[in-house]
mmCIF file of all heavy atoms, coordinates in Angstrom:
data_MODEL
# 
_entry.id   MODEL 
# 
loop_
_atom_site.group_PDB 
_atom_site.id 
_atom_site.type_symbol 
_atom_site.label_atom_id 
_atom_site.label_alt_id 
_atom_site.label_comp_id 
_atom_site.label_asym_id 
_atom_site.label_entity_id 
_atom_site.label_seq_id 
_atom_site.pdbx_PDB_ins_code 
_atom_site.Cartn_x 
_atom_site.Cartn_y 
_atom_site.Cartn_z 
_atom_site.occupancy 
_atom_site.B_iso_or_equiv 
_atom_site.pdbx_formal_charge 
_atom_site.auth_seq_id 
_atom_site.auth_comp_id 
_atom_site.auth_asym_id 
_atom_site.auth_atom_id 
_atom_site.pdbx_PDB_model_num 
ATOM 1   N N   . ALA A 1 1  ? 108.914 147.300 102.956 1.00 0.00 ? 1  ALA A N   1 
ATOM 2   C CA  . ALA A 1 1  ? 109.574 148.101 101.913 1.00 0.00 ? 1  ALA A CA  1 
ATOM 3   C C   . ALA A 1 1  ? 108.608 149.042 101.198 1.00 0.00 ? 1  ALA A C   1 
ATOM 4   O O   . ALA A 1 1  ? 109.023 149.791 100.315 1.00 0.00 ? 1  ALA A O   1 
ATOM 5   C CB  . ALA A 1 1  ? 110.233 147.180 100.894 1.00 0.00 ? 1  ALA A CB  1 
ATOM 6   N N   . SER A 1 2  ? 107.354 149.041 101.583 1.00 0.00 ? 2  SER A N   1 
ATOM 7   C CA  . SER A 1 2  ? 106.349 149.826 100.863 1.00 0.00 ? 2  SER A CA  1 
ATOM 8   C C   . SER A 1 2  ? 106.622 151.326 100.935 1.00 0.00 ? 2  SER A C   1 
ATOM 9   O O   . SER A 1 2  ? 106.545 152.035 99.921  1.00 0.00 ? 2  SER A O   1 
ATOM 10  C CB  . SER A 1 2  ? 104.953 149.531 101.410 1.00 0.00 ? 2  SER A CB  1 
ATOM 11  O OG  . SER A 1 2  ? 104.594 148.190 101.180 1.00 0.00 ? 2  SER A OG  1 
ATOM 12  N N   . GLU A 1 3  ? 106.965 151.816 102.100 1.00 0.00 ? 3  GLU A N   1 
ATOM 13  C CA  . GLU A 1 3  ? 107.207 153.259 102.255 1.00 0.00 ? 3  GLU A CA  1 
ATOM 14  C C   . GLU A 1 3  ? 108.421 153.700 101.436 1.00 0.00 ? 3  GLU A C   1 
ATOM 15  O O   . GLU A 1 3  ? 108.422 154.756 100.806 1.00 0.00 ? 3  GLU A O   1 
ATOM 16  C CB  . GLU A 1 3  ? 107.406 153.601 103.734 1.00 0.00 ? 3  GLU A CB  1 
ATOM 17  C CG  . GLU A 1 3  ? 107.537 155.087 103.998 1.00 0.00 ? 3  GLU A CG  1 
ATOM 18  C CD  . GLU A 1 3  ? 107.618 155.408 105.473 1.00 0.00 ? 3  GLU A CD  1 
ATOM 19  O OE1 . GLU A 1 3  ? 107.233 154.538 106.292 1.00 0.00 ? 3  GLU A OE1 1 
ATOM 20  O OE2 . GLU A 1 3  ? 108.067 156.533 105.820 1.00 0.00 ? 3  GLU A OE2 1 
ATOM 21  N N   . PHE A 1 4  ? 109.462 152.878 101.447 1.00 0.00 ? 4  PHE A N   1 
ATOM 22  C CA  . PHE A 1 4  ? 110.661 153.162 100.657 1.00 0.00 ? 4  PHE A CA  1 
ATOM 23  C C   . PHE A 1 4  ? 110.294 153.264 99.171  1.00 0.00 ? 4  PHE A C   1 
ATOM 24  O O   . PHE A 1 4  ? 110.727 154.193 98.469  1.00 0.00 ? 4  PHE A O   1 
ATOM 25  C CB  . PHE A 1 4  ? 111.670 152.040 100.891 1.00 0.00 ? 4  PHE A CB  1 
ATOM 26  C CG  . PHE A 1 4  ? 112.948 152.162 100.103 1.00 0.00 ? 4  PHE A CG  1 
ATOM 27  C CD1 . PHE A 1 4  ? 113.997 152.950 100.547 1.00 0.00 ? 4  PHE A CD1 1 
ATOM 28  C CD2 . PHE A 1 4  ? 113.118 151.436 98.927  1.00 0.00 ? 4  PHE A CD2 1 
ATOM 29  C CE1 . PHE A 1 4  ? 115.175 153.054 99.828  1.00 0.00 ? 4  PHE A CE1 1 
ATOM 30  C CE2 . PHE A 1 4  ? 114.297 151.519 98.196  1.00 0.00 ? 4  PHE A CE2 1 
ATOM 31  C CZ  . PHE A 1 4  ? 115.328 152.329 98.651  1.00 0.00 ? 4  PHE A CZ  1 
ATOM 32  N N   . SER A 1 5  ? 109.495 152.332 98.698  1.00 0.00 ? 5  SER A N   1 
ATOM 33  C CA  . SER A 1 5  ? 109.092 152.327 97.296  1.00 0.00 ? 5  SER A CA  1 
ATOM 34  C C   . SER A 1 5  ? 108.242 153.537 96.954  1.00 0.00 ? 5  SER A C   1 
ATOM 35  O O   . SER A 1 5  ? 108.408 154.166 95.896  1.00 0.00 ? 5  SER A O   1 
ATOM 36  C CB  . SER A 1 5  ? 108.326 151.032 96.993  1.00 0.00 ? 5  SER A CB  1 
ATOM 37  O OG  . SER A 1 5  ? 107.960 150.968 95.634  1.00 0.00 ? 5  SER A OG  1 
ATOM 38  N N   . GLU A 1 6  ? 107.324 153.888 97.832  1.00 0.00 ? 6  GLU A N   1 
ATOM 39  C CA  . GLU A 1 6  ? 106.469 155.050 97.598  1.00 0.00 ? 6  GLU A CA  1 
ATOM 40  C C   . GLU A 1 6  ? 107.284 156.336 97.523  1.00 0.00 ? 6  GLU A C   1 
ATOM 41  O O   . GLU A 1 6  ? 106.963 157.247 96.738  1.00 0.00 ? 6  GLU A O   1 
ATOM 42  C CB  . GLU A 1 6  ? 105.425 155.151 98.707  1.00 0.00 ? 6  GLU A CB  1 
ATOM 43  C CG  . GLU A 1 6  ? 104.375 154.045 98.651  1.00 0.00 ? 6  GLU A CG  1 
ATOM 44  C CD  . GLU A 1 6  ? 103.542 153.973 99.926  1.00 0.00 ? 6  GLU A CD  1 
ATOM 45  O OE1 . GLU A 1 6  ? 103.759 154.825 100.825 1.00 0.00 ? 6  GLU A OE1 1 
ATOM 46  O OE2 . GLU A 1 6  ? 102.699 153.072 100.026 1.00 0.00 ? 6  GLU A OE2 1 
ATOM 47  N N   . GLU A 1 7  ? 108.357 156.418 98.312  1.00 0.00 ? 7  GLU A N   1 
ATOM 48  C CA  . GLU A 1 7  ? 109.208 157.607 98.288  1.00 0.00 ? 7  GLU A CA  1 
ATOM 49  C C   . GLU A 1 7  ? 109.934 157.725 96.956  1.00 0.00 ? 7  GLU A C   1 
ATOM 50  O O   . GLU A 1 7  ? 110.058 158.822 96.397  1.00 0.00 ? 7  GLU A O   1 
ATOM 51  C CB  . GLU A 1 7  ? 110.222 157.528 99.437  1.00 0.00 ? 7  GLU A CB  1 
ATOM 52  C CG  . GLU A 1 7  ? 111.171 158.707 99.524  1.00 0.00 ? 7  GLU A CG  1 
ATOM 53  C CD  . GLU A 1 7  ? 110.495 160.018 99.905  1.00 0.00 ? 7  GLU A CD  1 
ATOM 54  O OE1 . GLU A 1 7  ? 109.270 160.012 100.188 1.00 0.00 ? 7  GLU A OE1 1 
ATOM 55  O OE2 . GLU A 1 7  ? 111.194 161.039 99.924  1.00 0.00 ? 7  GLU A OE2 1 
ATOM 56  N N   . ILE A 1 8  ? 110.402 156.615 96.424  1.00 0.00 ? 8  ILE A N   1 
ATOM 57  C CA  . ILE A 1 8  ? 111.074 156.650 95.123  1.00 0.00 ? 8  ILE A CA  1 
ATOM 58  C C   . ILE A 1 8  ? 110.088 157.062 94.032  1.00 0.00 ? 8  ILE A C   1 
ATOM 59  O O   . ILE A 1 8  ? 110.412 157.875 93.150  1.00 0.00 ? 8  ILE A O   1 
ATOM 60  C CB  . ILE A 1 8  ? 111.696 155.279 94.808  1.00 0.00 ? 8  ILE A CB  1 
ATOM 61  C CG1 . ILE A 1 8  ? 112.842 154.995 95.778  1.00 0.00 ? 8  ILE A CG1 1 
ATOM 62  C CG2 . ILE A 1 8  ? 112.207 155.224 93.368  1.00 0.00 ? 8  ILE A CG2 1 
ATOM 63  C CD1 . ILE A 1 8  ? 113.394 153.600 95.699  1.00 0.00 ? 8  ILE A CD1 1 
ATOM 64  N N   . ALA A 1 9  ? 108.887 156.548 94.089  1.00 0.00 ? 9  ALA A N   1 
ATOM 65  C CA  . ALA A 1 9  ? 107.861 156.928 93.111  1.00 0.00 ? 9  ALA A CA  1 
ATOM 66  C C   . ALA A 1 9  ? 107.550 158.416 93.204  1.00 0.00 ? 9  ALA A C   1 
ATOM 67  O O   . ALA A 1 9  ? 107.402 159.099 92.177  1.00 0.00 ? 9  ALA A O   1 
ATOM 68  C CB  . ALA A 1 9  ? 106.595 156.097 93.331  1.00 0.00 ? 9  ALA A CB  1 
ATOM 69  N N   . ARG A 1 10 ? 107.478 158.943 94.411  1.00 0.00 ? 10 ARG A N   1 
ATOM 70  C CA  . ARG A 1 10 ? 107.202 160.369 94.593  1.00 0.00 ? 10 ARG A CA  1 
ATOM 71  C C   . ARG A 1 10 ? 108.343 161.217 94.035  1.00 0.00 ? 10 ARG A C   1 
ATOM 72  O O   . ARG A 1 10 ? 108.110 162.223 93.356  1.00 0.00 ? 10 ARG A O   1 
ATOM 73  C CB  . ARG A 1 10 ? 107.010 160.677 96.075  1.00 0.00 ? 10 ARG A CB  1 
ATOM 74  C CG  . ARG A 1 10 ? 106.598 162.123 96.370  1.00 0.00 ? 10 ARG A CG  1 
ATOM 75  C CD  . ARG A 1 10 ? 106.687 162.456 97.843  1.00 0.00 ? 10 ARG A CD  1 
ATOM 76  N NE  . ARG A 1 10 ? 108.071 162.390 98.334  1.00 0.00 ? 10 ARG A NE  1 
ATOM 77  C CZ  . ARG A 1 10 ? 108.971 163.342 98.125  1.00 0.00 ? 10 ARG A CZ  1 
ATOM 78  N NH1 . ARG A 1 10 ? 108.656 164.430 97.427  1.00 0.00 ? 10 ARG A NH1 1 
ATOM 79  N NH2 . ARG A 1 10 ? 110.187 163.214 98.614  1.00 0.00 ? 10 ARG A NH2 1 
ATOM 80  N N   . MET A 1 11 ? 109.566 160.818 94.295  1.00 0.00 ? 11 MET A N   1 
ATOM 81  C CA  . MET A 1 11 ? 110.727 161.603 93.884  1.00 0.00 ? 11 MET A CA  1 
ATOM 82  C C   . MET A 1 11 ? 110.932 161.574 92.368  1.00 0.00 ? 11 MET A C   1 
ATOM 83  O O   . MET A 1 11 ? 111.415 162.544 91.789  1.00 0.00 ? 11 MET A O   1 
ATOM 84  C CB  . MET A 1 11 ? 111.983 161.092 94.584  1.00 0.00 ? 11 MET A CB  1 
ATOM 85  C CG  . MET A 1 11 ? 111.986 161.315 96.080  1.00 0.00 ? 11 MET A CG  1 
ATOM 86  S SD  . MET A 1 11 ? 113.413 160.553 96.903  1.00 0.00 ? 11 MET A SD  1 
ATOM 87  C CE  . MET A 1 11 ? 114.751 161.537 96.205  1.00 0.00 ? 11 MET A CE  1 
ATOM 88  N N   . THR A 1 12 ? 110.576 160.479 91.721  1.00 0.00 ? 12 THR A N   1 
ATOM 89  C CA  . THR A 1 12 ? 110.801 160.347 90.278  1.00 0.00 ? 12 THR A CA  1 
ATOM 90  C C   . THR A 1 12 ? 109.582 160.709 89.439  1.00 0.00 ? 12 THR A C   1 
ATOM 91  O O   . THR A 1 12 ? 109.711 161.014 88.252  1.00 0.00 ? 12 THR A O   1 
ATOM 92  C CB  . THR A 1 12 ? 111.208 158.908 89.921  1.00 0.00 ? 12 THR A CB  1 
ATOM 93  O OG1 . THR A 1 12 ? 110.147 158.018 90.308  1.00 0.00 ? 12 THR A OG1 1 
ATOM 94  C CG2 . THR A 1 12 ? 112.498 158.515 90.624  1.00 0.00 ? 12 THR A CG2 1 
ATOM 95  N N   . GLY A 1 13 ? 108.411 160.638 90.047  1.00 0.00 ? 13 GLY A N   1 
ATOM 96  C CA  . GLY A 1 13 ? 107.187 160.833 89.288  1.00 0.00 ? 13 GLY A CA  1 
ATOM 97  C C   . GLY A 1 13 ? 106.824 159.651 88.408  1.00 0.00 ? 13 GLY A C   1 
ATOM 98  O O   . GLY A 1 13 ? 105.969 159.751 87.525  1.00 0.00 ? 13 GLY A O   1 
ATOM 99  N N   . LEU A 1 14 ? 107.470 158.503 88.670  1.00 0.00 ? 14 LEU A N   1 
ATOM 100 C CA  . LEU A 1 14 ? 107.230 157.299 87.878  1.00 0.00 ? 14 LEU A CA  1 
ATOM 101 C C   . LEU A 1 14 ? 106.310 156.340 88.625  1.00 0.00 ? 14 LEU A C   1 
ATOM 102 O O   . LEU A 1 14 ? 106.344 156.268 89.857  1.00 0.00 ? 14 LEU A O   1 
ATOM 103 C CB  . LEU A 1 14 ? 108.549 156.584 87.575  1.00 0.00 ? 14 LEU A CB  1 
ATOM 104 C CG  . LEU A 1 14 ? 109.524 157.321 86.653  1.00 0.00 ? 14 LEU A CG  1 
ATOM 105 C CD1 . LEU A 1 14 ? 110.868 156.593 86.621  1.00 0.00 ? 14 LEU A CD1 1 
ATOM 106 C CD2 . LEU A 1 14 ? 108.952 157.435 85.242  1.00 0.00 ? 14 LEU A CD2 1 
ATOM 107 N N   . PRO A 1 15 ? 105.497 155.577 87.911  1.00 0.00 ? 15 PRO A N   1 
ATOM 108 C CA  . PRO A 1 15 ? 104.619 154.608 88.569  1.00 0.00 ? 15 PRO A CA  1 
ATOM 109 C C   . PRO A 1 15 ? 105.370 153.345 88.971  1.00 0.00 ? 15 PRO A C   1 
ATOM 110 O O   . PRO A 1 15 ? 106.324 152.937 88.287  1.00 0.00 ? 15 PRO A O   1 
ATOM 111 C CB  . PRO A 1 15 ? 103.583 154.285 87.491  1.00 0.00 ? 15 PRO A CB  1 
ATOM 112 C CG  . PRO A 1 15 ? 104.350 154.440 86.211  1.00 0.00 ? 15 PRO A CG  1 
ATOM 113 C CD  . PRO A 1 15 ? 105.293 155.600 86.444  1.00 0.00 ? 15 PRO A CD  1 
ATOM 114 N N   . VAL A 1 16 ? 104.946 152.736 90.073  1.00 0.00 ? 16 VAL A N   1 
ATOM 115 C CA  . VAL A 1 16 ? 105.430 151.394 90.416  1.00 0.00 ? 16 VAL A CA  1 
ATOM 116 C C   . VAL A 1 16 ? 104.596 150.417 89.608  1.00 0.00 ? 16 VAL A C   1 
ATOM 117 O O   . VAL A 1 16 ? 103.420 150.201 89.896  1.00 0.00 ? 16 VAL A O   1 
ATOM 118 C CB  . VAL A 1 16 ? 105.305 151.128 91.930  1.00 0.00 ? 16 VAL A CB  1 
ATOM 119 C CG1 . VAL A 1 16 ? 105.799 149.715 92.248  1.00 0.00 ? 16 VAL A CG1 1 
ATOM 120 C CG2 . VAL A 1 16 ? 106.089 152.161 92.740  1.00 0.00 ? 16 VAL A CG2 1 
ATOM 121 N N   . VAL A 1 17 ? 105.199 149.847 88.577  1.00 0.00 ? 17 VAL A N   1 
ATOM 122 C CA  . VAL A 1 17 ? 104.458 148.986 87.640  1.00 0.00 ? 17 VAL A CA  1 
ATOM 123 C C   . VAL A 1 17 ? 104.014 147.712 88.334  1.00 0.00 ? 17 VAL A C   1 
ATOM 124 O O   . VAL A 1 17 ? 102.892 147.251 88.140  1.00 0.00 ? 17 VAL A O   1 
ATOM 125 C CB  . VAL A 1 17 ? 105.322 148.682 86.401  1.00 0.00 ? 17 VAL A CB  1 
ATOM 126 C CG1 . VAL A 1 17 ? 104.583 147.748 85.446  1.00 0.00 ? 17 VAL A CG1 1 
ATOM 127 C CG2 . VAL A 1 17 ? 105.704 149.971 85.687  1.00 0.00 ? 17 VAL A CG2 1 
ATOM 128 N N   . PHE A 1 18 ? 104.896 147.142 89.151  1.00 0.00 ? 18 PHE A N   1 
ATOM 129 C CA  . PHE A 1 18 ? 104.521 145.993 89.969  1.00 0.00 ? 18 PHE A CA  1 
ATOM 130 C C   . PHE A 1 18 ? 105.545 145.794 91.076  1.00 0.00 ? 18 PHE A C   1 
ATOM 131 O O   . PHE A 1 18 ? 106.626 146.378 91.059  1.00 0.00 ? 18 PHE A O   1 
ATOM 132 C CB  . PHE A 1 18 ? 104.352 144.706 89.145  1.00 0.00 ? 18 PHE A CB  1 
ATOM 133 C CG  . PHE A 1 18 ? 105.556 144.301 88.344  1.00 0.00 ? 18 PHE A CG  1 
ATOM 134 C CD1 . PHE A 1 18 ? 106.589 143.564 88.909  1.00 0.00 ? 18 PHE A CD1 1 
ATOM 135 C CD2 . PHE A 1 18 ? 105.649 144.630 86.993  1.00 0.00 ? 18 PHE A CD2 1 
ATOM 136 C CE1 . PHE A 1 18 ? 107.685 143.177 88.168  1.00 0.00 ? 18 PHE A CE1 1 
ATOM 137 C CE2 . PHE A 1 18 ? 106.743 144.244 86.239  1.00 0.00 ? 18 PHE A CE2 1 
ATOM 138 C CZ  . PHE A 1 18 ? 107.775 143.516 86.831  1.00 0.00 ? 18 PHE A CZ  1 
ATOM 139 N N   . ARG A 1 19 ? 105.171 144.976 92.028  1.00 0.00 ? 19 ARG A N   1 
ATOM 140 C CA  . ARG A 1 19 ? 106.048 144.574 93.124  1.00 0.00 ? 19 ARG A CA  1 
ATOM 141 C C   . ARG A 1 19 ? 106.347 143.089 92.982  1.00 0.00 ? 19 ARG A C   1 
ATOM 142 O O   . ARG A 1 19 ? 105.443 142.286 92.750  1.00 0.00 ? 19 ARG A O   1 
ATOM 143 C CB  . ARG A 1 19 ? 105.389 144.840 94.473  1.00 0.00 ? 19 ARG A CB  1 
ATOM 144 C CG  . ARG A 1 19 ? 106.217 144.414 95.673  1.00 0.00 ? 19 ARG A CG  1 
ATOM 145 C CD  . ARG A 1 19 ? 105.514 144.734 96.978  1.00 0.00 ? 19 ARG A CD  1 
ATOM 146 N NE  . ARG A 1 19 ? 104.316 143.919 97.198  1.00 0.00 ? 19 ARG A NE  1 
ATOM 147 C CZ  . ARG A 1 19 ? 103.579 143.955 98.293  1.00 0.00 ? 19 ARG A CZ  1 
ATOM 148 N NH1 . ARG A 1 19 ? 103.900 144.789 99.275  1.00 0.00 ? 19 ARG A NH1 1 
ATOM 149 N NH2 . ARG A 1 19 ? 102.506 143.196 98.413  1.00 0.00 ? 19 ARG A NH2 1 
ATOM 150 N N   . CYS A 1 20 ? 107.605 142.718 93.111  1.00 0.00 ? 20 CYS A N   1 
ATOM 151 C CA  . CYS A 1 20 ? 107.973 141.303 93.066  1.00 0.00 ? 20 CYS A CA  1 
ATOM 152 C C   . CYS A 1 20 ? 107.799 140.682 94.450  1.00 0.00 ? 20 CYS A C   1 
ATOM 153 O O   . CYS A 1 20 ? 108.154 141.287 95.465  1.00 0.00 ? 20 CYS A O   1 
ATOM 154 C CB  . CYS A 1 20 ? 109.430 141.137 92.635  1.00 0.00 ? 20 CYS A CB  1 
ATOM 155 S SG  . CYS A 1 20 ? 109.796 141.727 90.991  1.00 0.00 ? 20 CYS A SG  1 
ATOM 156 N N   . ILE A 1 21 ? 107.270 139.473 94.459  1.00 0.00 ? 21 ILE A N   1 
ATOM 157 C CA  . ILE A 1 21 ? 107.176 138.708 95.698  1.00 0.00 ? 21 ILE A CA  1 
ATOM 158 C C   . ILE A 1 21 ? 107.601 137.274 95.401  1.00 0.00 ? 21 ILE A C   1 
ATOM 159 O O   . ILE A 1 21 ? 107.489 136.818 94.260  1.00 0.00 ? 21 ILE A O   1 
ATOM 160 C CB  . ILE A 1 21 ? 105.750 138.720 96.292  1.00 0.00 ? 21 ILE A CB  1 
ATOM 161 C CG1 . ILE A 1 21 ? 104.773 138.032 95.328  1.00 0.00 ? 21 ILE A CG1 1 
ATOM 162 C CG2 . ILE A 1 21 ? 105.294 140.136 96.635  1.00 0.00 ? 21 ILE A CG2 1 
ATOM 163 C CD1 . ILE A 1 21 ? 103.427 137.728 95.958  1.00 0.00 ? 21 ILE A CD1 1 
ATOM 164 N N   . PRO A 1 22 ? 108.104 136.555 96.394  1.00 0.00 ? 22 PRO A N   1 
ATOM 165 C CA  . PRO A 1 22 ? 108.408 135.140 96.169  1.00 0.00 ? 22 PRO A CA  1 
ATOM 166 C C   . PRO A 1 22 ? 107.141 134.379 95.800  1.00 0.00 ? 22 PRO A C   1 
ATOM 167 O O   . PRO A 1 22 ? 106.050 134.703 96.272  1.00 0.00 ? 22 PRO A O   1 
ATOM 168 C CB  . PRO A 1 22 ? 108.961 134.683 97.519  1.00 0.00 ? 22 PRO A CB  1 
ATOM 169 C CG  . PRO A 1 22 ? 109.405 135.928 98.218  1.00 0.00 ? 22 PRO A CG  1 
ATOM 170 C CD  . PRO A 1 22 ? 108.471 137.000 97.749  1.00 0.00 ? 22 PRO A CD  1 
ATOM 171 N N   . GLU A 1 23 ? 107.290 133.376 94.955  1.00 0.00 ? 23 GLU A N   1 
ATOM 172 C CA  . GLU A 1 23 ? 106.127 132.605 94.517  1.00 0.00 ? 23 GLU A CA  1 
ATOM 173 C C   . GLU A 1 23 ? 105.445 131.874 95.669  1.00 0.00 ? 23 GLU A C   1 
ATOM 174 O O   . GLU A 1 23 ? 104.309 131.431 95.539  1.00 0.00 ? 23 GLU A O   1 
ATOM 175 C CB  . GLU A 1 23 ? 106.533 131.606 93.443  1.00 0.00 ? 23 GLU A CB  1 
ATOM 176 C CG  . GLU A 1 23 ? 107.544 130.565 93.912  1.00 0.00 ? 23 GLU A CG  1 
ATOM 177 C CD  . GLU A 1 23 ? 107.825 129.512 92.861  1.00 0.00 ? 23 GLU A CD  1 
ATOM 178 O OE1 . GLU A 1 23 ? 107.024 129.378 91.916  1.00 0.00 ? 23 GLU A OE1 1 
ATOM 179 O OE2 . GLU A 1 23 ? 108.838 128.814 92.978  1.00 0.00 ? 23 GLU A OE2 1 
ATOM 180 N N   . THR A 1 24 ? 106.129 131.772 96.813  1.00 0.00 ? 24 THR A N   1 
ATOM 181 C CA  . THR A 1 24 ? 105.568 131.084 97.964  1.00 0.00 ? 24 THR A CA  1 
ATOM 182 C C   . THR A 1 24 ? 104.575 131.950 98.742  1.00 0.00 ? 24 THR A C   1 
ATOM 183 O O   . THR A 1 24 ? 103.856 131.432 99.598  1.00 0.00 ? 24 THR A O   1 
ATOM 184 C CB  . THR A 1 24 ? 106.701 130.665 98.919  1.00 0.00 ? 24 THR A CB  1 
ATOM 185 O OG1 . THR A 1 24 ? 107.508 131.818 99.236  1.00 0.00 ? 24 THR A OG1 1 
ATOM 186 C CG2 . THR A 1 24 ? 107.582 129.602 98.274  1.00 0.00 ? 24 THR A CG2 1 
ATOM 187 N N   . LEU A 1 25 ? 104.546 133.264 98.459  1.00 0.00 ? 25 LEU A N   1 
ATOM 188 C CA  . LEU A 1 25 ? 103.632 134.170 99.156  1.00 0.00 ? 25 LEU A CA  1 
ATOM 189 C C   . LEU A 1 25 ? 102.368 134.389 98.337  1.00 0.00 ? 25 LEU A C   1 
ATOM 190 O O   . LEU A 1 25 ? 102.356 134.231 97.118  1.00 0.00 ? 25 LEU A O   1 
ATOM 191 C CB  . LEU A 1 25 ? 104.318 135.514 99.422  1.00 0.00 ? 25 LEU A CB  1 
ATOM 192 C CG  . LEU A 1 25 ? 105.577 135.488 100.301 1.00 0.00 ? 25 LEU A CG  1 
ATOM 193 C CD1 . LEU A 1 25 ? 106.126 136.894 100.480 1.00 0.00 ? 25 LEU A CD1 1 
ATOM 194 C CD2 . LEU A 1 25 ? 105.293 134.830 101.654 1.00 0.00 ? 25 LEU A CD2 1 
ATOM 195 N N   . THR A 1 26 ? 101.305 134.766 99.018  1.00 0.00 ? 26 THR A N   1 
ATOM 196 C CA  . THR A 1 26 ? 100.037 135.050 98.352  1.00 0.00 ? 26 THR A CA  1 
ATOM 197 C C   . THR A 1 26 ? 100.068 136.442 97.750  1.00 0.00 ? 26 THR A C   1 
ATOM 198 O O   . THR A 1 26 ? 100.278 137.415 98.473  1.00 0.00 ? 26 THR A O   1 
ATOM 199 C CB  . THR A 1 26 ? 98.868  134.949 99.351  1.00 0.00 ? 26 THR A CB  1 
ATOM 200 O OG1 . THR A 1 26 ? 98.853  133.642 99.934  1.00 0.00 ? 26 THR A OG1 1 
ATOM 201 C CG2 . THR A 1 26 ? 97.540  135.210 98.643  1.00 0.00 ? 26 THR A CG2 1 
ATOM 202 N N   . PRO A 1 27 ? 99.876  136.573 96.441  1.00 0.00 ? 27 PRO A N   1 
ATOM 203 C CA  . PRO A 1 27 ? 99.984  137.896 95.812  1.00 0.00 ? 27 PRO A CA  1 
ATOM 204 C C   . PRO A 1 27 ? 98.786  138.780 96.103  1.00 0.00 ? 27 PRO A C   1 
ATOM 205 O O   . PRO A 1 27 ? 97.654  138.316 96.212  1.00 0.00 ? 27 PRO A O   1 
ATOM 206 C CB  . PRO A 1 27 ? 100.071 137.563 94.316  1.00 0.00 ? 27 PRO A CB  1 
ATOM 207 C CG  . PRO A 1 27 ? 99.369  136.245 94.185  1.00 0.00 ? 27 PRO A CG  1 
ATOM 208 C CD  . PRO A 1 27 ? 99.642  135.501 95.465  1.00 0.00 ? 27 PRO A CD  1 
ATOM 209 N N   . SER A 1 28 ? 99.061  140.067 96.243  1.00 0.00 ? 28 SER A N   1 
ATOM 210 C CA  . SER A 1 28 ? 98.030  141.087 96.278  1.00 0.00 ? 28 SER A CA  1 
ATOM 211 C C   . SER A 1 28 ? 97.942  141.702 94.888  1.00 0.00 ? 28 SER A C   1 
ATOM 212 O O   . SER A 1 28 ? 98.706  141.346 93.984  1.00 0.00 ? 28 SER A O   1 
ATOM 213 C CB  . SER A 1 28 ? 98.381  142.166 97.310  1.00 0.00 ? 28 SER A CB  1 
ATOM 214 O OG  . SER A 1 28 ? 98.520  141.607 98.606  1.00 0.00 ? 28 SER A OG  1 
# 
């Protein structure tokens, strides 16, 4: 979903404050 998210950020000019992940995954 990273490319999709980057496109929305580009179109809106807004920052992606954070990405949600399940607690079972290792966070970046």
